[in-house]
């Protein structure tokens, strides 16, 4: 599943476009590496985001 879609479906971020912008801005990392919105999220990967409101 794409990272931006995962963030939306898991309700971390309300809209997929916002999730896409967060990943493009370098505010989302998986296993310690900054990734693009199209990154394929797999089971048991550790996702971390830096989203402040």
C-alpha atoms as a PDB file:
ATOM      1  CA  UNK A   1       0.000   0.000   0.000  1.00  0.00           C
ATOM      2  CA  UNK A   2       1.285   3.456  -0.841  1.00  0.00           C
ATOM      3  CA  UNK A   3       2.506   5.556   2.061  1.00  0.00           C
ATOM      4  CA  UNK A   4       0.128   8.457   1.428  1.00  0.00           C
ATOM      5  CA  UNK A   5      -2.834   6.085   1.219  1.00  0.00           C
ATOM      6  CA  UNK A   6      -1.715   4.298   4.398  1.00  0.00           C
ATOM      7  CA  UNK A   7      -1.564   7.575   6.340  1.00  0.00           C
ATOM      8  CA  UNK A   8      -5.097   8.436   5.216  1.00  0.00           C
ATOM      9  CA  UNK A   9      -6.625   5.005   5.838  1.00  0.00           C
ATOM     10  CA  UNK A  10      -5.017   4.705   9.271  1.00  0.00           C
ATOM     11  CA  UNK A  11      -6.494   8.149  10.080  1.00  0.00           C
ATOM     12  CA  UNK A  12      -3.175   9.728  10.911  1.00  0.00           C
ATOM     13  CA  UNK A  13      -3.951  12.417   8.326  1.00  0.00           C
ATOM     14  CA  UNK A  14      -7.462  13.264   7.151  1.00  0.00           C
ATOM     15  CA  UNK A  15      -6.791  13.853   3.458  1.00  0.00           C
ATOM     16  CA  UNK A  16      -4.552  12.013   1.037  1.00  0.00           C
ATOM     17  CA  UNK A  17      -3.353  15.259  -0.533  1.00  0.00           C
ATOM     18  CA  UNK A  18      -2.163  16.459   2.859  1.00  0.00           C
ATOM     19  CA  UNK A  19      -0.398  13.121   3.400  1.00  0.00           C
ATOM     20  CA  UNK A  20       1.191  13.511  -0.027  1.00  0.00           C
ATOM     21  CA  UNK A  21       2.448  17.010   0.844  1.00  0.00           C
ATOM     22  CA  UNK A  22       3.811  15.799   4.200  1.00  0.00           C
ATOM     23  CA  UNK A  23       5.793  13.026   2.539  1.00  0.00           C
ATOM     24  CA  UNK A  24       7.046  15.363  -0.195  1.00  0.00           C
ATOM     25  CA  UNK A  25       8.153  17.837   2.482  1.00  0.00           C
ATOM     26  CA  UNK A  26      10.314  15.234   4.201  1.00  0.00           C
ATOM     27  CA  UNK A  27       8.173  15.024   7.323  1.00  0.00           C
ATOM     28  CA  UNK A  28       7.511  11.265   7.080  1.00  0.00           C
ATOM     29  CA  UNK A  29      10.118   8.560   7.554  1.00  0.00           C
ATOM     30  CA  UNK A  30      10.042   4.763   7.509  1.00  0.00           C
ATOM     31  CA  UNK A  31      12.709   2.860   9.426  1.00  0.00           C
ATOM     32  CA  UNK A  32      14.671   6.095   9.848  1.00  0.00           C
ATOM     33  CA  UNK A  33      14.726   7.068   6.155  1.00  0.00           C
ATOM     34  CA  UNK A  34      12.743   9.918   4.612  1.00  0.00           C
ATOM     35  CA  UNK A  35      10.530   8.449   1.887  1.00  0.00           C
ATOM     36  CA  UNK A  36       8.343   9.589  -1.003  1.00  0.00           C
ATOM     37  CA  UNK A  37       4.520   9.319  -1.009  1.00  0.00           C
ATOM     38  CA  UNK A  38       4.698   6.389  -3.425  1.00  0.00           C
ATOM     39  CA  UNK A  39       6.791   4.301  -1.014  1.00  0.00           C
ATOM     40  CA  UNK A  40       5.328   0.800  -0.575  1.00  0.00           C
ATOM     41  CA  UNK A  41       4.545   0.287   3.115  1.00  0.00           C
ATOM     42  CA  UNK A  42       4.937  -3.320   4.266  1.00  0.00           C
ATOM     43  CA  UNK A  43       3.985  -5.147   7.449  1.00  0.00           C
ATOM     44  CA  UNK A  44       6.231  -4.476  10.478  1.00  0.00           C
ATOM     45  CA  UNK A  45       7.772  -1.294   9.128  1.00  0.00           C
ATOM     46  CA  UNK A  46       8.075   1.563  11.587  1.00  0.00           C
ATOM     47  CA  UNK A  47       6.509   4.785  10.283  1.00  0.00           C
ATOM     48  CA  UNK A  48       7.238   8.098  11.941  1.00  0.00           C
ATOM     49  CA  UNK A  49       5.817  11.471  11.051  1.00  0.00           C
ATOM     50  CA  UNK A  50       6.615  15.019  12.117  1.00  0.00           C
ATOM     51  CA  UNK A  51       3.286  16.751  11.750  1.00  0.00           C
ATOM     52  CA  UNK A  52       2.431  19.605  14.055  1.00  0.00           C
ATOM     53  CA  UNK A  53      -0.705  21.657  13.919  1.00  0.00           C
END
